[in-house]
Amino acid sequence: MLEATTATTLQLRTTSNGLLDYSITHPTSCAAGSSGVGQVFRFSSSVGDTLSASFCDIGSMMFIQVFDFTGPQVHQFRCWRATSNHNVCQRLF
């Protein structure tokens, strides 16, 4: 499950047993005119495992990927911070 825990933070949470490999590519530096990018990732096999990352200011983006080993399926999302308290995510096909 992909959820916003705050206006600036997105979290992936495992809601069923299975083998998942998931990652979030996110901004690591929020200085004006300079933005670094990093990635957090996790292998999950237990309900309740989480992974989270934070946005910078309005317009910053994240890319999220979930690989389901039981499928195998890859789910990809692009998310961005639209306003001070509003995030948007789009599934990529």
PDB file of N, CA and C in Angstrom:
ATOM      1  N   MET A   1       0.847  -1.163   0.000  1.00  0.00           N
ATOM      2  CA  MET A   1       0.000   0.000   0.000  1.00  0.00           C
ATOM      3  C   MET A   1       0.894   1.228   0.000  1.00  0.00           C
ATOM      4  N   LEU A   2       0.580   2.171  -0.870  1.00  0.00           N
ATOM      5  CA  LEU A   2       1.286   3.442  -0.936  1.00  0.00           C
ATOM      6  C   LEU A   2       0.428   4.480  -0.237  1.00  0.00           C
ATOM      7  N   GLU A   3       0.989   5.146   0.770  1.00  0.00           N
ATOM      8  CA  GLU A   3       0.203   6.098   1.551  1.00  0.00           C
ATOM      9  C   GLU A   3       1.042   7.312   1.918  1.00  0.00           C
ATOM     10  N   ALA A   4       0.368   8.437   2.103  1.00  0.00           N
ATOM     11  CA  ALA A   4       1.027   9.659   2.560  1.00  0.00           C
ATOM     12  C   ALA A   4       0.859   9.730   4.074  1.00  0.00           C
ATOM     13  N   THR A   5       1.964   9.659   4.793  1.00  0.00           N
ATOM     14  CA  THR A   5       1.891   9.748   6.254  1.00  0.00           C
ATOM     15  C   THR A   5       1.866  11.197   6.719  1.00  0.00           C
ATOM     16  N   THR A   6       2.446  12.090   5.910  1.00  0.00           N
ATOM     17  CA  THR A   6       2.360  13.537   6.127  1.00  0.00           C
ATOM     18  C   THR A   6       2.319  14.178   4.741  1.00  0.00           C
ATOM     19  N   ALA A   7       2.221  15.500   4.692  1.00  0.00           N
ATOM     20  CA  ALA A   7       2.202  16.196   3.407  1.00  0.00           C
ATOM     21  C   ALA A   7       3.523  16.053   2.665  1.00  0.00           C
ATOM     22  N   THR A   8       4.598  15.726   3.385  1.00  0.00           N
ATOM     23  CA  THR A   8       5.914  15.640   2.744  1.00  0.00           C
ATOM     24  C   THR A   8       6.468  14.222   2.668  1.00  0.00           C
ATOM     25  N   THR A   9       5.778  13.232   3.215  1.00  0.00           N
ATOM     26  CA  THR A   9       6.333  11.878   3.285  1.00  0.00           C
ATOM     27  C   THR A   9       5.386  10.836   2.695  1.00  0.00           C
ATOM     28  N   LEU A  10       5.939   9.986   1.832  1.00  0.00           N
ATOM     29  CA  LEU A  10       5.206   8.838   1.320  1.00  0.00           C
ATOM     30  C   LEU A  10       5.793   7.575   1.932  1.00  0.00           C
ATOM     31  N   GLN A  11       4.931   6.597   2.147  1.00  0.00           N
ATOM     32  CA  GLN A  11       5.352   5.338   2.749  1.00  0.00           C
ATOM     33  C   GLN A  11       4.762   4.160   1.979  1.00  0.00           C
ATOM     34  N   LEU A  12       5.574   3.150   1.735  1.00  0.00           N
ATOM     35  CA  LEU A  12       5.113   1.877   1.205  1.00  0.00           C
ATOM     36  C   LEU A  12       4.972   0.933   2.387  1.00  0.00           C
ATOM     37  N   ARG A  13       3.854   0.222   2.444  1.00  0.00           N
ATOM     38  CA  ARG A  13       3.619  -0.711   3.551  1.00  0.00           C
ATOM     39  C   ARG A  13       3.123  -2.033   2.990  1.00  0.00           C
ATOM     40  N   THR A  14       3.738  -3.132   3.433  1.00  0.00           N
ATOM     41  CA  THR A  14       3.330  -4.463   3.001  1.00  0.00           C
ATOM     42  C   THR A  14       2.048  -4.851   3.721  1.00  0.00           C
ATOM     43  N   THR A  15       1.028  -5.251   2.946  1.00  0.00           N
ATOM     44  CA  THR A  15      -0.270  -5.589   3.540  1.00  0.00           C
ATOM     45  C   THR A  15      -0.627  -7.065   3.401  1.00  0.00           C
ATOM     46  N   SER A  16       0.232  -7.854   2.752  1.00  0.00           N
ATOM     47  CA  SER A  16      -0.040  -9.289   2.639  1.00  0.00           C
ATOM     48  C   SER A  16       1.283 -10.046   2.602  1.00  0.00           C
ATOM     49  N   ASN A  17       1.239 -11.304   2.957  1.00  0.00           N
ATOM     50  CA  ASN A  17       2.446 -12.124   2.899  1.00  0.00           C
ATOM     51  C   ASN A  17       2.836 -12.353   1.447  1.00  0.00           C
ATOM     52  N   GLY A  18       4.088 -12.374   1.199  1.00  0.00           N
ATOM     53  CA  GLY A  18       4.605 -12.565  -0.144  1.00  0.00           C
ATOM     54  C   GLY A  18       6.041 -12.100  -0.175  1.00  0.00           C
ATOM     55  N   LEU A  19       6.623 -12.135  -1.331  1.00  0.00           N
ATOM     56  CA  LEU A  19       7.999 -11.691  -1.496  1.00  0.00           C
ATOM     57  C   LEU A  19       8.000 -10.444  -2.372  1.00  0.00           C
ATOM     58  N   LEU A  20       8.328  -9.317  -1.779  1.00  0.00           N
ATOM     59  CA  LEU A  20       8.336  -8.038  -2.492  1.00  0.00           C
ATOM     60  C   LEU A  20       9.712  -7.403  -2.396  1.00  0.00           C
ATOM     61  N   ASP A  21      10.090  -6.729  -3.450  1.00  0.00           N
ATOM     62  CA  ASP A  21      11.297  -5.917  -3.468  1.00  0.00           C
ATOM     63  C   ASP A  21      10.835  -4.528  -3.885  1.00  0.00           C
ATOM     64  N   TYR A  22      10.982  -3.533  -3.013  1.00  0.00           N
ATOM     65  CA  TYR A  22      10.489  -2.222  -3.380  1.00  0.00           C
ATOM     66  C   TYR A  22      11.504  -1.131  -3.102  1.00  0.00           C
ATOM     67  N   SER A  23      11.368  -0.036  -3.857  1.00  0.00           N
ATOM     68  CA  SER A  23      12.317   1.066  -3.741  1.00  0.00           C
ATOM     69  C   SER A  23      11.624   2.393  -4.000  1.00  0.00           C
ATOM     70  N   ILE A  24      12.231   3.444  -3.461  1.00  0.00           N
ATOM     71  CA  ILE A  24      11.774   4.813  -3.695  1.00  0.00           C
ATOM     72  C   ILE A  24      13.000   5.643  -4.089  1.00  0.00           C
ATOM     73  N   THR A  25      12.943   6.256  -5.250  1.00  0.00           N
ATOM     74  CA  THR A  25      13.967   7.196  -5.683  1.00  0.00           C
ATOM     75  C   THR A  25      13.435   8.587  -5.359  1.00  0.00           C
ATOM     76  N   HIS A  26      14.168   9.342  -4.564  1.00  0.00           N
ATOM     77  CA  HIS A  26      13.644  10.589  -3.993  1.00  0.00           C
ATOM     78  C   HIS A  26      14.727  11.657  -3.930  1.00  0.00           C
ATOM     79  N   PRO A  27      14.326  12.924  -3.762  1.00  0.00           N
ATOM     80  CA  PRO A  27      15.317  14.000  -3.624  1.00  0.00           C
ATOM     81  C   PRO A  27      16.028  13.902  -2.278  1.00  0.00           C
ATOM     82  N   THR A  28      17.336  14.140  -2.297  1.00  0.00           N
ATOM     83  CA  THR A  28      18.109  14.088  -1.048  1.00  0.00           C
ATOM     84  C   THR A  28      18.602  15.454  -0.616  1.00  0.00           C
ATOM     85  N   SER A  29      18.576  16.413  -1.522  1.00  0.00           N
ATOM     86  CA  SER A  29      18.994  17.771  -1.206  1.00  0.00           C
ATOM     87  C   SER A  29      17.895  18.712  -1.658  1.00  0.00           C
ATOM     88  N   CYS A  30      17.486  19.588  -0.780  1.00  0.00           N
ATOM     89  CA  CYS A  30      16.384  20.485  -1.107  1.00  0.00           C
ATOM     90  C   CYS A  30      16.841  21.928  -1.294  1.00  0.00           C
ATOM     91  N   ALA A  31      18.136  22.139  -1.530  1.00  0.00           N
ATOM     92  CA  ALA A  31      18.643  23.487  -1.753  1.00  0.00           C
ATOM     93  C   ALA A  31      18.179  23.981  -3.122  1.00  0.00           C
ATOM     94  N   ALA A  32      17.849  25.254  -3.202  1.00  0.00           N
ATOM     95  CA  ALA A  32      17.379  25.846  -4.464  1.00  0.00           C
ATOM     96  C   ALA A  32      18.449  25.722  -5.538  1.00  0.00           C
ATOM     97  N   GLY A  33      18.044  25.232  -6.698  1.00  0.00           N
ATOM     98  CA  GLY A  33      18.958  25.120  -7.822  1.00  0.00           C
ATOM     99  C   GLY A  33      19.875  23.908  -7.782  1.00  0.00           C
ATOM    100  N   SER A  34      19.800  23.120  -6.723  1.00  0.00           N
ATOM    101  CA  SER A  34      20.663  21.950  -6.613  1.00  0.00           C
ATOM    102  C   SER A  34      19.907  20.849  -5.899  1.00  0.00           C
ATOM    103  N   SER A  35      19.716  19.742  -6.589  1.00  0.00           N
ATOM    104  CA  SER A  35      18.972  18.656  -5.975  1.00  0.00           C
ATOM    105  C   SER A  35      19.677  17.338  -6.229  1.00  0.00           C
ATOM    106  N   GLY A  36      20.047  16.680  -5.157  1.00  0.00           N
ATOM    107  CA  GLY A  36      20.597  15.345  -5.272  1.00  0.00           C
ATOM    108  C   GLY A  36      19.467  14.336  -5.248  1.00  0.00           C
ATOM    109  N   VAL A  37      19.739  13.142  -5.730  1.00  0.00           N
ATOM    110  CA  VAL A  37      18.738  12.089  -5.766  1.00  0.00           C
ATOM    111  C   VAL A  37      19.339  10.855  -5.108  1.00  0.00           C
ATOM    112  N   GLY A  38      18.534  10.187  -4.284  1.00  0.00           N
ATOM    113  CA  GLY A  38      18.967   8.964  -3.634  1.00  0.00           C
ATOM    114  C   GLY A  38      17.893   7.904  -3.753  1.00  0.00           C
ATOM    115  N   GLN A  39      18.230   6.721  -3.288  1.00  0.00           N
ATOM    116  CA  GLN A  39      17.262   5.637  -3.352  1.00  0.00           C
ATOM    117  C   GLN A  39      17.294   4.859  -2.046  1.00  0.00           C
ATOM    118  N   VAL A  40      16.107   4.573  -1.535  1.00  0.00           N
ATOM    119  CA  VAL A  40      15.963   3.661  -0.411  1.00  0.00           C
ATOM    120  C   VAL A  40      15.273   2.425  -0.959  1.00  0.00           C
ATOM    121  N   PHE A  41      15.646   1.265  -0.451  1.00  0.00           N
ATOM    122  CA  PHE A  41      15.044   0.042  -0.956  1.00  0.00           C
ATOM    123  C   PHE A  41      14.962  -0.988   0.158  1.00  0.00           C
ATOM    124  N   ARG A  42      14.120  -1.989  -0.071  1.00  0.00           N
ATOM    125  CA  ARG A  42      13.888  -2.996   0.957  1.00  0.00           C
ATOM    126  C   ARG A  42      13.336  -4.258   0.316  1.00  0.00           C
ATOM    127  N   PHE A  43      13.699  -5.393   0.872  1.00  0.00           N
ATOM    128  CA  PHE A  43      13.094  -6.671   0.532  1.00  0.00           C
ATOM    129  C   PHE A  43      12.124  -6.999   1.652  1.00  0.00           C
ATOM    130  N   SER A  44      10.893  -7.338   1.317  1.00  0.00           N
ATOM    131  CA  SER A  44       9.867  -7.564   2.322  1.00  0.00           C
ATOM    132  C   SER A  44       9.234  -8.936   2.160  1.00  0.00           C
ATOM    133  N   SER A  45       9.039  -9.614   3.278  1.00  0.00           N
ATOM    134  CA  SER A  45       8.310 -10.880   3.276  1.00  0.00           C
ATOM    135  C   SER A  45       7.317 -10.949   4.424  1.00  0.00           C
ATOM    136  N   SER A  46       7.116  -9.842   5.131  1.00  0.00           N
ATOM    137  CA  SER A  46       6.238  -9.827   6.301  1.00  0.00           C
ATOM    138  C   SER A  46       5.238  -8.682   6.231  1.00  0.00           C
ATOM    139  N   VAL A  47       4.025  -8.939   6.662  1.00  0.00           N
ATOM    140  CA  VAL A  47       3.002  -7.896   6.751  1.00  0.00           C
ATOM    141  C   VAL A  47       3.479  -6.823   7.728  1.00  0.00           C
ATOM    142  N   GLY A  48       3.315  -5.566   7.326  1.00  0.00           N
ATOM    143  CA  GLY A  48       3.682  -4.453   8.196  1.00  0.00           C
ATOM    144  C   GLY A  48       5.034  -3.837   7.908  1.00  0.00           C
ATOM    145  N   ASP A  49       5.871  -4.473   7.060  1.00  0.00           N
ATOM    146  CA  ASP A  49       7.147  -3.865   6.685  1.00  0.00           C
ATOM    147  C   ASP A  49       6.880  -2.533   5.987  1.00  0.00           C
ATOM    148  N   THR A  50       7.714  -1.535   6.251  1.00  0.00           N
ATOM    149  CA  THR A  50       7.510  -0.214   5.649  1.00  0.00           C
ATOM    150  C   THR A  50       8.803   0.337   5.068  1.00  0.00           C
ATOM    151  N   LEU A  51       8.641   1.263   4.158  1.00  0.00           N
ATOM    152  CA  LEU A  51       9.727   2.015   3.561  1.00  0.00           C
ATOM    153  C   LEU A  51       9.177   3.406   3.284  1.00  0.00           C
ATOM    154  N   SER A  52       9.919   4.456   3.657  1.00  0.00           N
ATOM    155  CA  SER A  52       9.398   5.810   3.434  1.00  0.00           C
ATOM    156  C   SER A  52      10.491   6.743   2.932  1.00  0.00           C
ATOM    157  N   ALA A  53      10.054   7.844   2.327  1.00  0.00           N
ATOM    158  CA  ALA A  53      10.949   8.884   1.831  1.00  0.00           C
ATOM    159  C   ALA A  53      10.181  10.199   1.813  1.00  0.00           C
ATOM    160  N   SER A  54      10.928  11.308   1.780  1.00  0.00           N
ATOM    161  CA  SER A  54      10.308  12.633   1.858  1.00  0.00           C
ATOM    162  C   SER A  54      10.498  13.442   0.584  1.00  0.00           C
ATOM    163  N   PHE A  55       9.500  14.274   0.306  1.00  0.00           N
ATOM    164  CA  PHE A  55       9.566  15.250  -0.776  1.00  0.00           C
ATOM    165  C   PHE A  55      10.325  16.482  -0.316  1.00  0.00           C
ATOM    166  N   CYS A  56      10.748  17.280  -1.285  1.00  0.00           N
ATOM    167  CA  CYS A  56      11.222  18.633  -0.994  1.00  0.00           C
ATOM    168  C   CYS A  56      10.026  19.563  -1.162  1.00  0.00           C
ATOM    169  N   ASP A  57      10.252  20.722  -1.744  1.00  0.00           N
ATOM    170  CA  ASP A  57       9.189  21.697  -1.930  1.00  0.00           C
ATOM    171  C   ASP A  57       8.223  21.276  -3.032  1.00  0.00           C
ATOM    172  N   ILE A  58       7.252  22.126  -3.266  1.00  0.00           N
ATOM    173  CA  ILE A  58       6.251  21.900  -4.310  1.00  0.00           C
ATOM    174  C   ILE A  58       6.958  21.642  -5.643  1.00  0.00           C
ATOM    175  N   GLY A  59       6.526  20.608  -6.333  1.00  0.00           N
ATOM    176  CA  GLY A  59       7.100  20.230  -7.612  1.00  0.00           C
ATOM    177  C   GLY A  59       8.120  19.113  -7.544  1.00  0.00           C
ATOM    178  N   SER A  60       8.610  18.783  -6.353  1.00  0.00           N
ATOM    179  CA  SER A  60       9.587  17.698  -6.274  1.00  0.00           C
ATOM    180  C   SER A  60       8.901  16.356  -6.534  1.00  0.00           C
ATOM    181  N   MET A  61       9.676  15.404  -7.065  1.00  0.00           N
ATOM    182  CA  MET A  61       9.117  14.125  -7.504  1.00  0.00           C
ATOM    183  C   MET A  61       9.799  12.950  -6.827  1.00  0.00           C
ATOM    184  N   MET A  62       9.075  11.824  -6.830  1.00  0.00           N
ATOM    185  CA  MET A  62       9.611  10.531  -6.408  1.00  0.00           C
ATOM    186  C   MET A  62       9.204   9.495  -7.441  1.00  0.00           C
ATOM    187  N   PHE A  63      10.023   8.480  -7.573  1.00  0.00           N
ATOM    188  CA  PHE A  63       9.687   7.333  -8.401  1.00  0.00           C
ATOM    189  C   PHE A  63       9.675   6.103  -7.499  1.00  0.00           C
ATOM    190  N   ILE A  64       8.615   5.327  -7.582  1.00  0.00           N
ATOM    191  CA  ILE A  64       8.416   4.190  -6.700  1.00  0.00           C
ATOM    192  C   ILE A  64       8.271   2.939  -7.552  1.00  0.00           C
ATOM    193  N   GLN A  65       8.952   1.880  -7.139  1.00  0.00           N
ATOM    194  CA  GLN A  65       8.876   0.620  -7.864  1.00  0.00           C
ATOM    195  C   GLN A  65       8.660  -0.517  -6.886  1.00  0.00           C
ATOM    196  N   VAL A  66       7.714  -1.393  -7.215  1.00  0.00           N
ATOM    197  CA  VAL A  66       7.438  -2.574  -6.397  1.00  0.00           C
ATOM    198  C   VAL A  66       7.490  -3.789  -7.310  1.00  0.00           C
ATOM    199  N   PHE A  67       8.366  -4.730  -6.970  1.00  0.00           N
ATOM    200  CA  PHE A  67       8.470  -5.968  -7.734  1.00  0.00           C
ATOM    201  C   PHE A  67       7.909  -7.103  -6.884  1.00  0.00           C
ATOM    202  N   ASP A  68       6.916  -7.786  -7.418  1.00  0.00           N
ATOM    203  CA  ASP A  68       6.255  -8.896  -6.736  1.00  0.00           C
ATOM    204  C   ASP A  68       6.817 -10.200  -7.282  1.00  0.00           C
ATOM    205  N   PHE A  69       7.599 -10.905  -6.463  1.00  0.00           N
ATOM    206  CA  PHE A  69       8.228 -12.148  -6.904  1.00  0.00           C
ATOM    207  C   PHE A  69       7.228 -13.269  -7.154  1.00  0.00           C
ATOM    208  N   THR A  70       6.036 -13.174  -6.572  1.00  0.00           N
ATOM    209  CA  THR A  70       5.053 -14.236  -6.771  1.00  0.00           C
ATOM    210  C   THR A  70       4.333 -14.098  -8.096  1.00  0.00           C
ATOM    211  N   GLY A  71       4.402 -12.923  -8.735  1.00  0.00           N
ATOM    212  CA  GLY A  71       3.681 -12.628  -9.978  1.00  0.00           C
ATOM    213  C   GLY A  71       4.319 -13.168 -11.232  1.00  0.00           C
ATOM    214  N   PRO A  72       5.466 -12.832 -11.653  1.00  0.00           N
ATOM    215  CA  PRO A  72       6.166 -11.617 -11.214  1.00  0.00           C
ATOM    216  C   PRO A  72       5.600 -10.382 -11.923  1.00  0.00           C
ATOM    217  N   GLN A  73       5.368  -9.365 -11.156  1.00  0.00           N
ATOM    218  CA  GLN A  73       4.844  -8.116 -11.681  1.00  0.00           C
ATOM    219  C   GLN A  73       5.679  -6.962 -11.146  1.00  0.00           C
ATOM    220  N   VAL A  74       5.830  -5.937 -11.964  1.00  0.00           N
ATOM    221  CA  VAL A  74       6.491  -4.712 -11.532  1.00  0.00           C
ATOM    222  C   VAL A  74       5.464  -3.599 -11.580  1.00  0.00           C
ATOM    223  N   HIS A  75       5.315  -2.888 -10.479  1.00  0.00           N
ATOM    224  CA  HIS A  75       4.402  -1.748 -10.408  1.00  0.00           C
ATOM    225  C   HIS A  75       5.263  -0.506 -10.216  1.00  0.00           C
ATOM    226  N   GLN A  76       5.055   0.488 -11.070  1.00  0.00           N
ATOM    227  CA  GLN A  76       5.828   1.717 -10.995  1.00  0.00           C
ATOM    228  C   GLN A  76       4.898   2.914 -10.853  1.00  0.00           C
ATOM    229  N   PHE A  77       5.313   3.862 -10.024  1.00  0.00           N
ATOM    230  CA  PHE A  77       4.533   5.069  -9.778  1.00  0.00           C
ATOM    231  C   PHE A  77       5.447   6.279  -9.839  1.00  0.00           C
ATOM    232  N   ARG A  78       4.893   7.385 -10.300  1.00  0.00           N
ATOM    233  CA  ARG A  78       5.559   8.686 -10.253  1.00  0.00           C
ATOM    234  C   ARG A  78       4.700   9.556  -9.347  1.00  0.00           C
ATOM    235  N   CYS A  79       5.297  10.127  -8.321  1.00  0.00           N
ATOM    236  CA  CYS A  79       4.554  10.963  -7.369  1.00  0.00           C
ATOM    237  C   CYS A  79       5.238  12.312  -7.261  1.00  0.00           C
ATOM    238  N   TRP A  80       4.443  13.348  -7.038  1.00  0.00           N
ATOM    239  CA  TRP A  80       5.003  14.676  -6.857  1.00  0.00           C
ATOM    240  C   TRP A  80       4.182  15.447  -5.840  1.00  0.00           C
ATOM    241  N   ARG A  81       4.854  16.417  -5.265  1.00  0.00           N
ATOM    242  CA  ARG A  81       4.215  17.294  -4.288  1.00  0.00           C
ATOM    243  C   ARG A  81       3.578  18.442  -5.050  1.00  0.00           C
ATOM    244  N   ALA A  82       2.243  18.487  -5.056  1.00  0.00           N
ATOM    245  CA  ALA A  82       1.516  19.462  -5.865  1.00  0.00           C
ATOM    246  C   ALA A  82       1.328  20.794  -5.145  1.00  0.00           C
ATOM    247  N   THR A  83       1.003  20.773  -3.869  1.00  0.00           N
ATOM    248  CA  THR A  83       0.855  21.985  -3.056  1.00  0.00           C
ATOM    249  C   THR A  83       1.430  21.688  -1.682  1.00  0.00           C
ATOM    250  N   SER A  84       1.307  22.620  -0.762  1.00  0.00           N
ATOM    251  CA  SER A  84       1.894  22.419   0.565  1.00  0.00           C
ATOM    252  C   SER A  84       1.282  21.242   1.319  1.00  0.00           C
ATOM    253  N   ASN A  85       0.052  20.854   0.972  1.00  0.00           N
ATOM    254  CA  ASN A  85      -0.586  19.727   1.665  1.00  0.00           C
ATOM    255  C   ASN A  85      -1.260  18.753   0.705  1.00  0.00           C
ATOM    256  N   HIS A  86      -0.724  18.641  -0.520  1.00  0.00           N
ATOM    257  CA  HIS A  86      -1.366  17.824  -1.542  1.00  0.00           C
ATOM    258  C   HIS A  86      -0.312  17.106  -2.387  1.00  0.00           C
ATOM    259  N   ASN A  87      -0.385  15.773  -2.432  1.00  0.00           N
ATOM    260  CA  ASN A  87       0.511  14.962  -3.249  1.00  0.00           C
ATOM    261  C   ASN A  87      -0.306  14.251  -4.326  1.00  0.00           C
ATOM    262  N   VAL A  88       0.333  13.970  -5.444  1.00  0.00           N
ATOM    263  CA  VAL A  88      -0.308  13.272  -6.558  1.00  0.00           C
ATOM    264  C   VAL A  88       0.590  12.101  -6.953  1.00  0.00           C
ATOM    265  N   CYS A  89      -0.040  10.946  -7.207  1.00  0.00           N
ATOM    266  CA  CYS A  89       0.704   9.791  -7.705  1.00  0.00           C
ATOM    267  C   CYS A  89       0.023   9.262  -8.962  1.00  0.00           C
ATOM    268  N   GLN A  90       0.832   8.818  -9.891  1.00  0.00           N
ATOM    269  CA  GLN A  90       0.343   8.291 -11.158  1.00  0.00           C
ATOM    270  C   GLN A  90       1.028   6.952 -11.395  1.00  0.00           C
ATOM    271  N   ARG A  91       0.239   5.919 -11.677  1.00  0.00           N
ATOM    272  CA  ARG A  91       0.810   4.622 -11.998  1.00  0.00           C
ATOM    273  C   ARG A  91       1.331   4.658 -13.430  1.00  0.00           C
ATOM    274  N   LEU A  92       2.547   4.165 -13.612  1.00  0.00           N
ATOM    275  CA  LEU A  92       3.163   4.120 -14.932  1.00  0.00           C
ATOM    276  C   LEU A  92       3.011   2.720 -15.505  1.00  0.00           C
ATOM    277  N   PHE A  93       2.660   2.637 -16.773  1.00  0.00           N
ATOM    278  CA  PHE A  93       2.486   1.342 -17.424  1.00  0.00           C
ATOM    279  C   PHE A  93       3.585   1.082 -18.411  1.00  0.00           C
TER     280      PHE A  93
END
